Amino acid sequence: MSESNPMLVLFVGATGSVGRLAVDEAVRMGYRVRALVRSGTKARFDDRVEVTQGDLTRMDTLAGAVDGIDAVVFTMGAHDGPTMVERVDYGAVRNVLTLLAGRPVRIVLMTAIGVTYMDSAYNRTSQAHDWKRRSERLVRASGNDYTIVRPGWFDYNGPDQRRLTFLQGDRRRHADSRDGVVSRRQIAQTLISALGCDEAKGKTFELVAEHGPAPCDLTPMFAALEADSPGSVDGVHDEGNFPAECQPRRVREDLARIAAISRRGARSGGSR
């Protein structure tokens, strides 16, 4: 895309606490922005934002949302137990990728630090990490250019904690703010910076803020990251504690279907 014809970016989770900030940042950066909202929402956006109604858990309501998009930023998240986490955190990704039917788009997906920590009390209760990790796998299997960002605990940072740090391997296992903290605004800035950065493609990382000033340019930080291994459904250095063959049948079928869609798109000559 050129400056005269910027990418049209769909925001799934646009009314959330990070999504709103990401929408604002994308507008500021000159992208064309489409925000997905539920029917009847009272959400208000900048006049330059195209608002489209749909239910991210219902594929039949999303055709208009994905029509003509060049990119999608996922920032949604549920907190109402395993059923809603599956429908929102995982289902939204599955639904959008299915509707795209192999048409290539740029993807930025926000999940969470600790997403590979399967044995925490939090995950055993909510299954949030299970479903977020499965959503990551769908994105990697889709054949699209992507960046997966796993932020630390939202807004637990002090006023002097602005120095962004990218980690890989997801090795922090406290399941609390000791794993890392970062402001919502800096999460949003990182998501949108990744969207337009070639150096961020194919990479998965944890995002935290340390004591010190905010960086002016994230490109060198993206460039220093290791890319995910081609053909792998997991992030680089992720622990192999979530075997694909042990996933629920519906998840294995979703993954196979998204991968098959990707292969068909590649054969038809779609540029990725």
Protein backbone atom coordinates (compact mmCIF):
# COMPACT_ATOMS: atom_id res chain seq x y z
CA MET A 1 0.00 0.00 0.00
CA SER A 2 1.13 3.56 -0.67
CA GLU A 3 0.58 6.78 1.26
CA SER A 4 -2.04 7.74 -1.33
CA ASN A 5 -3.76 4.37 -0.91
CA PRO A 6 -3.25 3.26 2.71
CA MET A 7 -4.26 -0.15 4.00
CA LEU A 8 -7.83 -0.69 5.10
CA VAL A 9 -7.53 -2.25 8.55
CA LEU A 10 -10.33 -4.09 10.35
CA PHE A 11 -10.22 -3.91 14.14
CA VAL A 12 -11.81 -6.85 15.94
CA GLY A 13 -12.16 -5.88 19.58
CA ALA A 14 -12.37 -2.20 18.65
CA THR A 15 -14.45 -1.20 21.66
CA GLY A 16 -12.14 -2.79 24.22
CA SER A 17 -9.66 -0.92 26.38
CA VAL A 18 -6.72 -1.70 24.07
CA GLY A 19 -8.78 -1.79 20.89
CA ARG A 20 -9.96 1.80 21.25
CA LEU A 21 -6.41 3.02 21.67
CA ALA A 22 -5.25 0.92 18.72
CA VAL A 23 -7.98 2.41 16.53
CA ASP A 24 -6.90 5.92 17.53
CA GLU A 25 -3.25 5.09 16.82
CA ALA A 26 -4.08 3.65 13.41
CA VAL A 27 -6.02 6.78 12.47
CA ARG A 28 -3.10 8.90 13.64
CA MET A 29 -0.74 6.84 11.48
CA GLY A 30 -2.86 7.42 8.39
CA TYR A 31 -4.50 4.02 7.94
CA ARG A 32 -8.04 3.60 6.74
CA VAL A 33 -9.82 2.10 9.72
CA ARG A 34 -12.90 -0.10 10.02
CA ALA A 35 -14.12 -0.84 13.55
CA LEU A 36 -16.26 -3.90 14.23
CA VAL A 37 -18.94 -3.23 16.84
CA ARG A 38 -21.94 -5.12 18.12
CA SER A 39 -25.41 -3.98 17.18
CA GLY A 40 -26.66 -1.30 19.52
CA THR A 41 -23.25 -0.34 20.89
CA LYS A 42 -22.81 3.23 22.07
CA ALA A 43 -19.17 3.30 21.04
CA ARG A 44 -17.94 6.54 19.53
CA PHE A 45 -14.94 6.87 17.25
CA ASP A 46 -13.15 9.50 15.25
CA ASP A 47 -15.20 10.61 12.22
CA ARG A 48 -12.58 9.04 9.95
CA VAL A 49 -13.37 5.57 11.32
CA GLU A 50 -15.77 3.38 9.36
CA VAL A 51 -18.00 1.55 11.82
CA THR A 52 -19.47 -1.81 10.84
CA GLN A 53 -21.84 -3.91 12.91
CA GLY A 54 -21.42 -7.61 13.49
CA ASP A 55 -21.03 -10.25 16.16
CA LEU A 56 -17.49 -11.63 16.21
CA THR A 57 -18.83 -14.96 17.49
CA ARG A 58 -21.21 -15.35 14.51
CA MET A 59 -19.59 -15.84 11.13
CA ASP A 60 -22.84 -15.08 9.29
CA THR A 61 -22.70 -11.45 10.52
CA LEU A 62 -19.09 -10.73 9.50
CA ALA A 63 -19.03 -10.86 5.69
CA GLY A 64 -19.35 -7.10 5.38
CA ALA A 65 -16.67 -6.51 7.99
CA VAL A 66 -13.99 -8.43 6.08
CA ASP A 67 -14.99 -7.21 2.62
CA GLY A 68 -12.07 -5.45 0.96
CA ILE A 69 -9.78 -5.33 3.98
CA ASP A 70 -5.99 -5.38 3.65
CA ALA A 71 -5.24 -6.11 7.31
CA VAL A 72 -6.87 -7.12 10.58
CA VAL A 73 -5.90 -6.33 14.16
CA PHE A 74 -7.34 -8.62 16.84
CA THR A 75 -7.52 -7.21 20.39
CA MET A 76 -10.65 -8.96 21.71
CA GLY A 77 -10.75 -10.87 24.97
CA ALA A 78 -13.43 -12.55 27.07
CA HIS A 79 -13.51 -13.00 30.84
CA ASP A 80 -16.68 -15.05 31.29
CA GLY A 81 -15.39 -18.61 31.53
CA PRO A 82 -14.19 -21.21 29.04
CA THR A 83 -17.23 -21.16 26.76
CA MET A 84 -17.05 -17.43 26.08
CA VAL A 85 -13.27 -17.45 25.87
CA GLU A 86 -13.51 -20.09 23.14
CA ARG A 87 -16.18 -18.16 21.27
CA VAL A 88 -14.41 -14.80 21.50
CA ASP A 89 -10.64 -15.23 21.81
CA TYR A 90 -10.49 -18.20 19.46
CA GLY A 91 -13.74 -18.05 17.54
CA ALA A 92 -13.24 -14.53 16.21
CA VAL A 93 -9.91 -15.50 14.66
CA ARG A 94 -11.33 -18.70 13.16
CA ASN A 95 -14.37 -16.87 11.77
CA VAL A 96 -12.41 -14.07 10.11
CA LEU A 97 -9.83 -16.41 8.60
CA THR A 98 -12.56 -18.68 7.27
CA LEU A 99 -14.44 -15.80 5.66
CA LEU A 100 -11.27 -14.50 4.03
CA ALA A 101 -11.15 -17.84 2.17
CA GLY A 102 -7.42 -17.60 1.48
CA ARG A 103 -7.33 -13.94 0.45
CA PRO A 104 -4.06 -12.62 1.90
CA VAL A 105 -4.21 -9.95 4.60
CA ARG A 106 -1.73 -8.63 7.14
CA ILE A 107 -2.57 -9.88 10.66
CA VAL A 108 -1.65 -8.53 14.07
CA LEU A 109 -2.95 -10.65 16.95
CA MET A 110 -2.78 -9.69 20.62
CA THR A 111 -2.80 -12.60 23.08
CA ALA A 112 -1.06 -12.51 26.49
CA ILE A 113 2.21 -13.08 28.27
CA GLY A 114 2.22 -16.52 29.87
CA VAL A 115 0.01 -17.97 27.13
CA THR A 116 2.12 -21.15 27.06
CA TYR A 117 1.79 -21.61 30.84
CA MET A 118 -0.89 -24.27 30.80
CA ASP A 119 -0.75 -25.41 34.43
CA SER A 120 -1.61 -22.17 36.21
CA ALA A 121 -4.72 -22.02 38.39
CA TYR A 122 -5.97 -19.22 36.14
CA ASN A 123 -5.74 -21.33 33.00
CA ARG A 124 -7.19 -24.43 34.61
CA THR A 125 -10.25 -22.37 35.57
CA SER A 126 -10.69 -20.17 32.49
CA GLN A 127 -8.85 -22.08 29.74
CA ALA A 128 -7.92 -18.63 28.48
CA HIS A 129 -4.34 -19.55 27.65
CA ASP A 130 -5.47 -22.72 25.89
CA TRP A 131 -7.81 -20.82 23.58
CA LYS A 132 -5.48 -17.90 22.97
CA ARG A 133 -2.70 -20.30 22.06
CA ARG A 134 -5.02 -22.12 19.68
CA SER A 135 -5.90 -18.79 18.06
CA GLU A 136 -2.18 -18.13 17.55
CA ARG A 137 -1.88 -21.48 15.79
CA LEU A 138 -4.68 -20.62 13.38
CA VAL A 139 -2.91 -17.40 12.44
CA ARG A 140 0.39 -19.18 11.80
CA ALA A 141 -1.35 -21.87 9.75
CA SER A 142 -3.20 -19.29 7.63
CA GLY A 143 -0.19 -18.48 5.46
CA ASN A 144 -0.67 -14.75 6.01
CA ASP A 145 1.97 -12.27 7.06
CA TYR A 146 1.45 -11.87 10.80
CA THR A 147 2.78 -10.53 14.07
CA ILE A 148 1.67 -12.01 17.41
CA VAL A 149 2.09 -9.77 20.45
CA ARG A 150 1.83 -11.17 24.00
CA PRO A 151 1.62 -8.15 26.31
CA GLY A 152 2.31 -8.15 30.02
CA TRP A 153 -0.13 -7.00 32.66
CA PHE A 154 -2.06 -3.94 31.52
CA ASP A 155 -1.25 -0.62 33.20
CA TYR A 156 0.61 -2.10 36.16
CA ASN A 157 3.68 -0.12 35.12
CA GLY A 158 4.98 2.87 37.05
CA PRO A 159 5.23 6.32 35.42
CA ASP A 160 8.95 5.76 34.74
CA GLN A 161 8.40 2.29 33.25
CA ARG A 162 8.25 3.09 29.55
CA ARG A 163 11.26 1.29 28.05
CA LEU A 164 9.69 -1.41 25.93
CA THR A 165 11.33 -4.83 25.92
CA PHE A 166 10.57 -7.73 23.58
CA LEU A 167 11.01 -11.27 24.92
CA GLN A 168 10.63 -14.67 23.28
CA GLY A 169 10.01 -18.17 24.58
CA ASP A 170 7.37 -17.14 27.14
CA ARG A 171 9.42 -18.30 30.12
CA ARG A 172 7.96 -16.12 32.88
CA ARG A 173 5.65 -18.30 34.96
CA HIS A 174 4.43 -16.35 38.00
CA ALA A 175 0.96 -15.77 36.53
CA ASP A 176 0.91 -12.27 38.01
CA SER A 177 2.44 -8.86 37.36
CA ARG A 178 5.92 -10.17 38.16
CA ASP A 179 5.85 -11.64 34.65
CA GLY A 180 5.91 -8.15 33.17
CA VAL A 181 3.85 -4.99 32.93
CA VAL A 182 3.08 -2.50 30.18
CA SER A 183 0.62 0.31 29.55
CA ARG A 184 -2.38 -0.15 27.32
CA ARG A 185 -1.30 2.82 25.23
CA GLN A 186 2.10 1.32 24.55
CA ILE A 187 0.47 -2.00 23.66
CA ALA A 188 -1.65 -0.18 21.09
CA GLN A 189 1.37 1.67 19.72
CA THR A 190 3.28 -1.59 19.37
CA LEU A 191 0.41 -3.31 17.56
CA ILE A 192 0.13 -0.52 15.00
CA SER A 193 3.89 -0.18 14.62
CA ALA A 194 4.04 -3.90 13.79
CA LEU A 195 1.26 -3.52 11.23
CA GLY A 196 3.40 -1.45 8.88
CA CYS A 197 6.79 -3.01 9.60
CA ASP A 198 8.30 -5.70 7.39
CA GLU A 199 10.77 -6.56 10.16
CA ALA A 200 7.85 -7.63 12.38
CA LYS A 201 6.46 -10.22 9.97
CA GLY A 202 6.35 -13.84 11.08
CA LYS A 203 7.34 -13.03 14.65
CA THR A 204 5.85 -13.80 18.06
CA PHE A 205 7.00 -12.01 21.20
CA GLU A 206 6.14 -10.98 24.73
CA LEU A 207 5.88 -7.24 25.37
CA VAL A 208 6.84 -5.67 28.70
CA ALA A 209 8.04 -2.28 29.89
CA GLU A 210 11.12 -1.76 32.05
CA HIS A 211 12.31 1.36 33.87
CA GLY A 212 13.46 3.99 31.42
CA PRO A 213 12.14 6.16 28.59
CA ALA A 214 10.00 4.94 25.72
CA PRO A 215 11.84 4.05 22.51
CA CYS A 216 11.40 6.34 19.54
CA ASP A 217 11.51 3.62 16.88
CA LEU A 218 10.50 -0.03 17.29
CA THR A 219 11.86 -1.19 13.93
CA PRO A 220 15.31 -2.23 15.26
CA MET A 221 13.58 -4.15 18.05
CA PHE A 222 11.37 -6.01 15.59
CA ALA A 223 14.41 -6.75 13.43
CA ALA A 224 16.29 -8.27 16.37
CA LEU A 225 13.57 -10.84 17.03
CA GLU A 226 13.79 -14.41 15.75
CA ALA A 227 11.09 -15.42 13.30
CA ASP A 228 8.83 -18.37 14.00
CA SER A 229 9.99 -21.59 12.36
CA PRO A 230 8.38 -22.11 8.93
CA GLY A 231 5.61 -24.67 9.13
CA SER A 232 5.44 -24.61 12.93
CA VAL A 233 2.17 -23.83 14.68
CA ASP A 234 4.01 -22.50 17.76
CA GLY A 235 6.12 -19.45 18.42
CA VAL A 236 9.89 -19.64 18.28
CA HIS A 237 11.27 -21.16 21.51
CA ASP A 238 7.78 -21.91 22.88
CA GLU A 239 7.67 -24.89 25.20
CA GLY A 240 6.36 -28.03 23.50
CA ASN A 241 3.73 -28.64 26.16
CA PHE A 242 0.58 -28.43 24.04
CA PRO A 243 0.67 -31.28 21.49
CA ALA A 244 -1.42 -30.62 18.40
CA GLU A 245 -2.60 -34.22 18.31
CA CYS A 246 -4.06 -33.89 21.82
CA GLN A 247 -6.33 -30.95 21.00
CA PRO A 248 -10.12 -31.30 20.79
CA ARG A 249 -11.33 -32.69 17.50
CA ARG A 250 -13.05 -29.44 16.51
CA VAL A 251 -9.78 -27.56 17.01
CA ARG A 252 -7.81 -30.03 14.90
CA GLU A 253 -10.45 -29.73 12.19
CA ASP A 254 -10.32 -25.93 12.29
CA LEU A 255 -6.54 -25.94 12.00
CA ALA A 256 -6.63 -28.38 9.08
CA ARG A 257 -9.28 -26.32 7.31
CA ILE A 258 -7.41 -23.02 7.69
CA ALA A 259 -4.19 -24.65 6.47
CA ALA A 260 -6.05 -26.11 3.47
CA ILE A 261 -7.52 -22.71 2.63
CA SER A 262 -4.01 -21.27 2.73
CA ARG A 263 -2.70 -23.92 0.35
CA ARG A 264 -5.54 -23.29 -2.10
CA GLY A 265 -4.86 -19.56 -1.97
CA ALA A 266 -1.16 -20.11 -2.66
CA ARG A 267 -1.94 -22.34 -5.65
CA SER A 268 -4.30 -19.73 -7.08
CA GLY A 269 -1.45 -17.22 -7.12
CA GLY A 270 -2.39 -14.99 -4.19
CA SER A 271 0.56 -12.87 -3.11
CA ARG A 272 1.74 -13.41 0.45
